[in-house]
């Protein structure tokens, strides 16, 4: 999967938000690209613009890198390899697994470097070095 992952950087800037206000959560959920209900509230990933429009803090802008390889829900190693490689380069990441693909959220200012690191990881896997 690593050799075929073809990272794709989405153009939008996103933020993670946690909401207890059900009315606001319902309003933002329609435009969210992901959500997860936790004991502390509804976590949403929304665009920076949507968060700011709703008066939410947007102090950690993130970019999304989609790993375009079809990743099976029972696949082993892709998330660990990506997160571990980025971590060794000092790039924080939040991994979100969806049905078809895995998505890597990195601080917006580090997105270009993250893409370079992931391209190198992919090239090494293609060459049989990983």
Foldseek 3Di string as FASTA:
>chain_A
DLLQQPKDWDPFKKDKDFDPPPVLCVVQVVQFPDWDQDPRGIITIHTPVSCVVSVHDPPFIKIKIKRQQFAAPPDPDPVVVLCVQCVVVVWHWDWDDDRGTIMIITGPVCVVVSVVSSVVSNVCVVVVND
